Protein backbone atom coordinates (compact mmCIF):
# COMPACT_ATOMS: atom_id res chain seq x y z
CA MET A 1 0.00 0.00 0.00
CA LEU A 2 2.86 2.40 0.79
CA PHE A 3 4.43 1.57 -2.55
CA ASP A 4 1.20 2.47 -4.38
CA LEU A 5 0.99 5.78 -2.53
CA GLU A 6 4.62 6.51 -3.34
CA LYS A 7 3.96 5.80 -7.03
CA LYS A 8 0.93 8.06 -7.04
CA VAL A 9 2.92 10.90 -5.43
CA GLU A 10 5.75 10.49 -7.95
CA SER A 11 3.23 10.44 -10.78
CA SER A 12 1.51 13.53 -9.43
CA LEU A 13 4.83 15.36 -9.06
CA ALA A 14 5.79 14.46 -12.63
CA GLU A 15 2.42 15.70 -13.87
CA LEU A 16 2.82 18.90 -11.85
CA SER A 17 6.24 19.51 -13.36
CA LYS A 18 4.86 18.90 -16.85
CA LEU A 19 2.00 21.31 -16.24
CA LYS A 20 4.37 23.98 -14.87
CA ASN A 21 6.50 23.70 -18.01
CA GLU A 22 3.40 23.92 -20.19
CA LYS A 23 2.22 26.97 -18.24
CA ASN A 24 5.59 28.68 -18.73
CA ASP A 25 5.51 27.91 -22.47
CA LEU A 26 2.01 29.36 -22.72
CA LEU A 27 3.04 32.47 -20.77
CA ASP A 28 5.97 32.96 -23.16
CA LYS A 29 3.72 32.55 -26.19
CA ASN A 30 1.20 34.93 -24.65
CA GLN A 31 3.89 37.59 -24.15
CA ILE A 32 5.03 37.17 -27.76
CA LEU A 33 1.45 37.63 -28.95
CA ILE A 34 0.98 40.68 -26.73
CA ASN A 35 4.14 42.24 -28.17
CA GLU A 36 3.00 41.43 -31.71
CA LYS A 37 -0.41 42.97 -31.00
CA ASN A 38 1.20 46.13 -29.64
CA GLU A 39 3.41 46.42 -32.73
CA LEU A 40 0.41 45.95 -35.01
CA ASN A 41 -1.57 48.56 -33.06
CA ALA A 42 1.31 51.03 -33.41
CA GLU A 43 1.53 50.31 -37.13
CA PHE A 44 -2.23 50.73 -37.46
CA ARG A 45 -2.11 54.12 -35.71
CA LEU A 46 0.72 55.23 -38.01
CA LEU A 47 -1.18 54.12 -41.11
CA ASP A 48 -4.34 55.78 -39.83
CA GLU A 49 -2.48 59.07 -39.35
CA ARG A 50 -1.02 58.77 -42.86
CA PHE A 51 -4.48 58.09 -44.24
CA LYS A 52 -5.89 61.15 -42.48
CA ALA A 53 -3.05 63.30 -43.83
CA LEU A 54 -3.59 61.97 -47.34
CA LYS A 55 -7.31 62.57 -47.06
CA ILE A 56 -6.69 66.15 -45.92
CA ALA A 57 -4.24 66.73 -48.77
CA ASN A 58 -6.69 65.33 -51.31
CA THR A 59 -9.53 67.37 -49.88
CA ILE A 60 -7.55 70.61 -49.88
CA SER A 61 -6.28 70.11 -53.42
CA GLY A 62 -9.68 68.92 -54.62
CA SER A 63 -12.00 70.46 -57.15
CA GLU A 64 -14.95 72.79 -56.58
CA ASN A 65 -17.11 69.74 -55.87
CA ASN A 66 -15.14 69.20 -52.66
CA ILE A 67 -15.38 72.77 -51.33
CA ASN A 68 -17.83 71.83 -48.57
CA GLU A 69 -15.74 68.83 -47.60
CA THR A 70 -12.60 70.99 -47.62
CA ARG A 71 -14.23 73.60 -45.40
CA SER A 72 -15.44 70.90 -43.04
CA GLU A 73 -11.97 69.38 -42.85
CA ILE A 74 -10.37 72.78 -42.19
CA ASP A 75 -12.95 73.50 -39.47
CA SER A 76 -12.17 70.14 -37.91
CA LEU A 77 -8.45 70.91 -37.94
CA ILE A 78 -9.06 74.33 -36.37
CA ARG A 79 -11.13 72.73 -33.58
CA GLU A 80 -8.35 70.22 -32.99
CA ILE A 81 -5.76 73.02 -32.83
CA ASP A 82 -7.98 75.01 -30.44
CA THR A 83 -8.27 71.94 -28.20
CA CYS A 84 -4.50 71.54 -28.17
CA ILE A 85 -3.99 75.21 -27.35
CA SER A 86 -6.51 75.09 -24.50
CA GLN A 87 -4.80 71.99 -23.07
CA LEU A 88 -1.44 73.74 -23.21
CA SER A 89 -2.90 76.78 -21.49
CA ASP A 90 -4.10 74.74 -18.49
């Protein structure tokens, strides 16, 4: 009976060790995925800013059909600048 208990303890310890290693592997993979996600988010923000700049440039250089859109975009930029100035003033 003592031998069976000893075997069960050894088996449980081996399983525990295996599970700890698996946990560490999963934590490492999780950290890699988190880093990859952060890099992709940064790249997305950069591309989004480039898109906005391109859209503004196209709107400003657009034809008479885009005058309302151009005015709206300029108004939006002015509001954004005003917000920045007010934040700097505080």
